[in-house]
Amino acid sequence: MAIDPYTQLGVARGASEKEIKSAYRKLAKELHPDKNKDNPKATDRFSEVTRAYDLLCDPDKRARFDRGEIDVDGNPIGFGGGGGFGGGFDRSQRGFGDGGAGFGAGAEGIDLSDLFGGIFGGGRPGGADPFGGQRRAPPRGANVQYRLLVTLPDAATGASQRITLSDGKTIDLKLPLGVEDGTQMRLAGKGEAGPGGAGDALVTISIAPHAFFKLDGDTIRLDLPISLDEAVNGAKVKVPTVEGSVMLTVAPGSSSGKTLRLKGRGFTRKDGTRGDQLVTLEILLPEGDADLARRLQGWRDNRDLRAKFGV
């Protein structure tokens, strides 16, 4: 049985949107696949809390869940169990490829017009029914909904994603240029089988929050800690990007808040070009360093650094 989404996120049923987002961010950082490559249980848990967040952050779905109209997967209560039109099988799948992508699967609701068409619309071969009307085309199989969770680096670079379909087959899916959170891809003929042919697979892309990269349009932002001596004297330091680390030159006398630009290291746009990565320096001083305090004893910076505040 699927766990209640409130329990998954560790929040009360009356939690605010802010509380739900805060709980999810904390769990996402802790369980992110990039930080738990050797822990498949953490990877599964990451997928579960993301699914819970998706339901609770949607006001309509959350209200319907609270009223008992839908289950944790967003399926109507009474149509997803062992009886009725939707019962008899479970399409839930979960998997993570090298890039840490995960997904969940579920069928769309049954098309009742197709169901009744099969009863009343079927006629003799040749297209005519017993009353002289035109026979409806045999119904296609149901579409199948998938949710593909990709890491920000994979989304930024358009990395190929390997996913497992509900029939157990795996395919390599190439992300579209400029993919966004909520982008939907249609895989023709990859849904449920039917008399008129297979339905489609509808894959909705979700971009997982990253531990230190932040996406701002086609720009990727990063706060980079540096030491006091690196700031004062200048240095060449390693900086992570979505495609691996590069060397960055920090000029002598750099201050916290100074932003450096890495051209073409950002998110891929729809035209195939790349945005930039902006690196903001953050000087971190050691706590309780007696040697540093001794070295600075008697030195004062006589600039009026707060003159603009009028104080």
Protein backbone atom coordinates (compact mmCIF):
# COMPACT_ATOMS: atom_id res chain seq x y z
CA MET A 1 0.00 0.00 0.00
CA ALA A 2 1.34 3.42 -0.93
CA ILE A 3 2.32 5.61 1.99
CA ASP A 4 0.26 8.75 2.71
CA PRO A 5 2.01 11.75 1.04
CA TYR A 6 1.86 13.80 4.26
CA THR A 7 3.68 10.98 6.05
CA GLN A 8 6.23 10.77 3.20
CA LEU A 9 7.14 14.44 3.68
CA GLY A 10 6.77 14.39 7.47
CA VAL A 11 4.20 17.20 7.60
CA ALA A 12 0.74 17.54 9.14
CA ARG A 13 -2.37 17.32 6.95
CA GLY A 14 -3.02 21.01 7.53
CA ALA A 15 0.54 22.04 6.57
CA SER A 16 0.93 25.23 4.55
CA GLU A 17 2.39 25.32 1.03
CA LYS A 18 5.55 26.88 2.47
CA GLU A 19 5.91 24.07 5.04
CA ILE A 20 5.44 21.42 2.35
CA LYS A 21 8.05 23.03 0.07
CA SER A 22 10.51 23.37 2.95
CA ALA A 23 10.08 19.72 3.95
CA TYR A 24 10.56 18.56 0.36
CA ARG A 25 13.71 20.66 -0.20
CA LYS A 26 15.27 19.22 2.96
CA LEU A 27 14.49 15.62 1.96
CA ALA A 28 15.51 16.18 -1.69
CA LYS A 29 18.96 17.42 -0.65
CA GLU A 30 19.40 14.50 1.74
CA LEU A 31 18.19 11.78 -0.64
CA HIS A 32 19.33 13.16 -4.02
CA PRO A 33 20.69 10.39 -6.31
CA ASP A 34 23.92 12.32 -6.91
CA LYS A 35 24.68 12.06 -3.18
CA ASN A 36 23.53 8.44 -2.77
CA LYS A 37 24.93 6.60 -5.78
CA ASP A 38 25.60 3.45 -3.71
CA ASN A 39 22.31 3.55 -1.81
CA PRO A 40 19.37 2.35 -3.93
CA LYS A 41 17.00 2.68 -0.97
CA ALA A 42 17.71 6.42 -0.79
CA THR A 43 17.13 6.65 -4.53
CA ASP A 44 13.72 4.95 -4.18
CA ARG A 45 12.84 7.18 -1.26
CA PHE A 46 13.79 10.26 -3.31
CA SER A 47 11.32 9.19 -6.01
CA GLU A 48 8.60 8.59 -3.41
CA VAL A 49 8.93 11.97 -1.68
CA THR A 50 8.97 13.71 -5.06
CA ARG A 51 5.75 11.96 -6.03
CA ALA A 52 4.21 13.03 -2.69
CA TYR A 53 5.35 16.63 -3.25
CA ASP A 54 3.89 16.67 -6.77
CA LEU A 55 0.48 15.74 -5.39
CA LEU A 56 0.47 18.10 -2.40
CA CYS A 57 1.84 21.14 -4.27
CA ASP A 58 -1.10 20.96 -6.69
CA PRO A 59 -4.04 22.63 -4.81
CA ASP A 60 -6.69 20.78 -6.84
CA LYS A 61 -5.09 17.35 -6.47
CA ARG A 62 -4.43 17.93 -2.78
CA ALA A 63 -8.06 18.88 -2.15
CA ARG A 64 -9.31 15.84 -4.06
CA PHE A 65 -6.93 13.59 -2.14
CA ASP A 66 -8.05 15.06 1.19
CA ARG A 67 -11.68 14.40 0.21
CA GLY A 68 -10.81 10.79 -0.64
CA GLU A 69 -11.56 11.19 -4.36
CA ILE A 70 -8.11 10.15 -5.61
CA ASP A 71 -5.27 7.98 -4.33
CA VAL A 72 -1.60 8.90 -3.81
CA ASP A 73 -0.93 8.31 -7.53
CA GLY A 74 -3.69 10.71 -8.54
CA ASN A 75 -5.99 7.89 -9.74
CA PRO A 76 -9.72 8.14 -8.98
CA ILE A 77 -10.75 6.02 -6.00
CA GLY A 78 -12.80 3.04 -7.18
CA PHE A 79 -11.21 2.81 -10.67
CA GLY A 80 -7.66 1.79 -9.79
CA GLY A 81 -8.15 -1.32 -7.65
CA GLY A 82 -8.95 -4.91 -8.37
CA GLY A 83 -12.36 -4.34 -9.98
CA GLY A 84 -14.21 -1.90 -12.19
CA PHE A 85 -12.83 -0.58 -15.46
CA GLY A 86 -9.28 0.10 -14.25
CA GLY A 87 -8.45 -2.99 -12.19
CA GLY A 88 -6.46 -6.09 -12.83
CA PHE A 89 -2.97 -4.69 -13.31
CA ASP A 90 -0.42 -2.36 -11.81
CA ARG A 91 1.73 -0.31 -14.16
CA SER A 92 3.87 1.30 -11.45
CA GLN A 93 7.52 1.32 -12.37
CA ARG A 94 10.47 3.08 -10.88
CA GLY A 95 14.06 3.30 -12.11
CA PHE A 96 17.17 5.44 -12.15
CA GLY A 97 19.78 5.56 -14.88
CA ASP A 98 23.33 6.84 -14.70
CA GLY A 99 22.08 10.41 -14.49
CA GLY A 100 19.90 9.66 -11.48
CA ALA A 101 16.63 9.93 -13.37
CA GLY A 102 13.57 8.23 -12.01
CA PHE A 103 9.98 7.86 -13.16
CA GLY A 104 6.58 6.50 -12.20
CA ALA A 105 3.96 5.07 -14.57
CA GLY A 106 0.17 4.97 -14.56
CA ALA A 107 -2.56 4.56 -17.18
CA GLU A 108 -4.93 7.32 -18.23
CA GLY A 109 -8.59 6.78 -17.48
CA ILE A 110 -10.52 4.39 -19.73
CA ASP A 111 -12.16 6.09 -22.72
CA LEU A 112 -15.80 5.11 -22.20
CA SER A 113 -16.72 6.15 -25.74
CA ASP A 114 -14.28 3.53 -27.03
CA LEU A 115 -15.66 0.96 -24.61
CA PHE A 116 -19.28 1.46 -25.64
CA GLY A 117 -18.25 1.85 -29.28
CA GLY A 118 -16.90 -1.67 -29.13
CA ILE A 119 -20.34 -2.89 -27.99
CA PHE A 120 -22.66 -0.88 -30.18
CA GLY A 121 -20.46 0.22 -33.07
CA GLY A 122 -19.09 -3.13 -34.20
CA GLY A 123 -20.55 -4.40 -37.47
CA ARG A 124 -19.84 -6.71 -40.30
CA PRO A 125 -16.52 -6.46 -42.14
CA GLY A 126 -16.62 -3.80 -44.80
CA GLY A 127 -17.51 -0.85 -42.62
CA ALA A 128 -21.32 -1.07 -42.37
CA ASP A 129 -23.30 -2.02 -39.27
CA PRO A 130 -26.64 -3.96 -39.34
CA PHE A 131 -28.60 -0.67 -39.51
CA GLY A 132 -26.74 0.73 -42.51
CA GLY A 133 -24.47 3.10 -40.56
CA GLN A 134 -20.69 3.40 -40.79
CA ARG A 135 -18.80 1.17 -38.37
CA ARG A 136 -16.44 2.96 -35.99
CA ALA A 137 -12.75 2.23 -36.24
CA PRO A 138 -11.58 -0.28 -33.63
CA PRO A 139 -10.36 1.53 -30.51
CA ARG A 140 -6.67 2.00 -29.83
CA GLY A 141 -5.15 0.91 -26.58
CA ALA A 142 -5.00 3.30 -23.66
CA ASN A 143 -2.24 5.86 -23.37
CA VAL A 144 0.14 5.36 -20.46
CA GLN A 145 1.35 8.27 -18.35
CA TYR A 146 4.98 8.33 -17.17
CA ARG A 147 6.84 10.82 -15.03
CA LEU A 148 10.58 11.07 -15.71
CA LEU A 149 12.70 12.71 -13.03
CA VAL A 150 16.00 14.05 -14.39
CA THR A 151 18.90 15.80 -12.69
CA LEU A 152 19.58 19.43 -13.48
CA PRO A 153 22.96 18.61 -15.12
CA ASP A 154 21.26 16.05 -17.41
CA ALA A 155 18.50 18.52 -18.31
CA ALA A 156 21.05 21.29 -18.93
CA THR A 157 23.11 19.18 -21.32
CA GLY A 158 20.30 17.15 -22.92
CA ALA A 159 21.74 13.85 -21.69
CA SER A 160 19.99 10.68 -22.91
CA GLN A 161 17.78 8.98 -20.32
CA ARG A 162 17.15 5.22 -20.09
CA ILE A 163 13.66 4.38 -18.89
CA THR A 164 11.68 1.20 -18.41
CA LEU A 165 8.19 0.98 -19.90
CA SER A 166 5.25 -0.79 -18.29
CA ASP A 167 5.85 -3.86 -20.47
CA GLY A 168 9.37 -4.21 -19.06
CA LYS A 169 11.16 -2.97 -22.17
CA THR A 170 13.81 -0.26 -21.81
CA ILE A 171 14.38 2.59 -24.24
CA ASP A 172 16.86 5.47 -24.45
CA LEU A 173 15.01 8.77 -24.50
CA LYS A 174 16.74 11.87 -25.90
CA LEU A 175 15.68 14.99 -24.03
CA PRO A 176 14.46 17.85 -26.26
CA LEU A 177 16.52 21.04 -26.52
CA GLY A 178 15.52 23.58 -23.89
CA VAL A 179 13.59 21.01 -21.86
CA GLU A 180 11.63 22.56 -19.01
CA ASP A 181 10.01 21.27 -15.86
CA GLY A 182 6.63 19.92 -17.01
CA THR A 183 7.65 19.31 -20.66
CA GLN A 184 5.64 16.38 -22.06
CA MET A 185 6.95 13.96 -24.68
CA ARG A 186 4.77 11.56 -26.67
CA LEU A 187 6.14 8.14 -27.66
CA ALA A 188 3.84 6.84 -30.39
CA GLY A 189 2.74 3.23 -30.03
CA LYS A 190 4.39 2.68 -26.64
CA GLY A 191 1.14 2.54 -24.66
CA GLU A 192 -1.35 -0.28 -24.02
CA ALA A 193 -2.21 -2.67 -26.87
CA GLY A 194 -5.69 -2.45 -28.39
CA PRO A 195 -7.76 -3.73 -31.35
CA GLY A 196 -6.93 -0.59 -33.34
CA GLY A 197 -3.26 -0.51 -32.37
CA ALA A 198 -1.27 0.48 -29.33
CA GLY A 199 -1.82 3.77 -27.52
CA ASP A 200 0.99 6.20 -26.79
CA ALA A 201 3.32 6.73 -23.85
CA LEU A 202 3.09 10.28 -22.49
CA VAL A 203 6.27 11.19 -20.59
CA THR A 204 6.19 14.28 -18.36
CA ILE A 205 9.63 15.64 -17.47
CA SER A 206 10.42 16.89 -13.97
CA ILE A 207 13.77 18.51 -13.15
CA ALA A 208 14.97 17.58 -9.67
CA PRO A 209 16.32 20.30 -7.34
CA HIS A 210 20.11 20.29 -7.18
CA ALA A 211 22.30 20.44 -4.10
CA PHE A 212 24.26 23.52 -5.23
CA PHE A 213 23.31 24.54 -8.81
CA LYS A 214 20.39 26.95 -9.19
CA LEU A 215 18.58 27.42 -12.51
CA ASP A 216 17.69 30.99 -13.55
CA GLY A 217 16.26 30.91 -17.07
CA ASP A 218 19.13 29.63 -19.23
CA THR A 219 21.67 30.70 -16.58
CA ILE A 220 23.06 28.36 -13.95
CA ARG A 221 24.11 30.02 -10.69
CA LEU A 222 26.59 28.75 -8.12
CA ASP A 223 27.82 30.19 -4.80
CA LEU A 224 31.53 29.30 -4.51
CA PRO A 225 33.26 29.34 -1.09
CA ILE A 226 36.85 30.67 -1.12
CA SER A 227 39.35 31.23 1.67
CA LEU A 228 40.63 34.60 2.89
CA ASP A 229 44.10 34.04 1.45
CA GLU A 230 42.60 33.09 -1.95
CA ALA A 231 40.58 36.31 -1.91
CA VAL A 232 43.48 38.52 -0.83
CA ASN A 233 46.27 37.03 -2.93
CA GLY A 234 44.26 35.62 -5.83
CA ALA A 235 44.20 31.96 -6.86
CA LYS A 236 43.16 29.41 -9.45
CA VAL A 237 40.38 27.24 -8.01
CA LYS A 238 38.32 24.30 -9.26
CA VAL A 239 34.67 25.09 -9.96
CA PRO A 240 31.94 22.49 -10.63
CA THR A 241 29.83 22.84 -13.78
CA VAL A 242 27.09 20.64 -15.21
CA GLU A 243 29.75 19.00 -17.41
CA GLY A 244 32.50 18.58 -14.80
CA SER A 245 34.95 20.86 -13.03
CA VAL A 246 36.95 23.70 -14.65
CA MET A 247 39.65 26.04 -13.35
CA LEU A 248 38.59 29.58 -12.47
CA THR A 249 40.92 32.52 -11.81
CA VAL A 250 40.12 34.54 -8.68
CA ALA A 251 41.76 37.98 -8.95
CA PRO A 252 43.72 39.38 -5.97
CA GLY A 253 41.55 41.52 -3.71
CA SER A 254 38.28 39.78 -4.63
CA SER A 255 35.38 40.41 -2.25
CA SER A 256 32.42 38.25 -1.23
CA GLY A 257 29.57 38.81 -3.66
CA LYS A 258 31.80 39.27 -6.70
CA THR A 259 30.32 37.34 -9.62
CA LEU A 260 32.37 35.69 -12.37
CA ARG A 261 30.98 34.39 -15.66
CA LEU A 262 31.71 31.05 -17.34
CA LYS A 263 30.56 31.49 -20.96
CA GLY A 264 28.55 28.66 -22.50
CA ARG A 265 28.42 26.57 -19.30
CA GLY A 266 24.72 27.16 -18.62
CA PHE A 267 21.46 25.54 -19.74
CA THR A 268 20.87 24.45 -23.34
CA ARG A 269 18.37 26.69 -25.14
CA LYS A 270 15.75 25.52 -27.63
CA ASP A 271 17.98 26.66 -30.52
CA GLY A 272 20.86 24.50 -29.28
CA THR A 273 23.00 27.36 -27.92
CA ARG A 274 24.03 27.47 -24.26
CA GLY A 275 23.54 30.03 -21.52
CA ASP A 276 26.29 30.94 -19.03
CA GLN A 277 27.19 29.89 -15.51
CA LEU A 278 27.51 32.69 -12.96
CA VAL A 279 29.83 32.01 -10.02
CA THR A 280 29.39 34.23 -6.94
CA LEU A 281 32.36 34.26 -4.56
CA GLU A 282 31.74 33.73 -0.85
CA ILE A 283 34.68 34.29 1.52
CA LEU A 284 34.55 31.84 4.44
CA LEU A 285 36.62 32.76 7.48
CA PRO A 286 37.81 30.08 9.91
CA GLU A 287 36.21 30.23 13.35
CA GLY A 288 38.44 30.71 16.36
CA ASP A 289 41.71 30.87 14.37
CA ALA A 290 44.14 32.40 16.87
CA ASP A 291 46.94 32.61 14.30
CA LEU A 292 44.77 34.65 11.91
CA ALA A 293 43.69 36.97 14.73
CA ARG A 294 47.32 37.44 15.76
CA ARG A 295 48.39 38.26 12.20
CA LEU A 296 45.68 40.93 11.88
CA GLN A 297 46.30 42.47 15.29
CA GLY A 298 46.89 46.20 14.89
CA TRP A 299 45.67 46.28 11.26
CA ARG A 300 42.59 48.36 10.45
CA ASP A 301 40.72 49.02 7.21
CA ASN A 302 40.07 52.75 7.37
CA ARG A 303 37.63 52.91 4.48
CA ASP A 304 34.09 54.06 5.25
CA LEU A 305 32.42 50.91 3.95
CA ARG A 306 28.95 51.92 5.18
CA ALA A 307 28.88 55.51 4.00
CA LYS A 308 26.06 54.81 1.51
CA PHE A 309 23.77 53.89 4.39
CA GLY A 310 24.19 57.30 6.00
CA VAL A 311 25.32 55.78 9.30
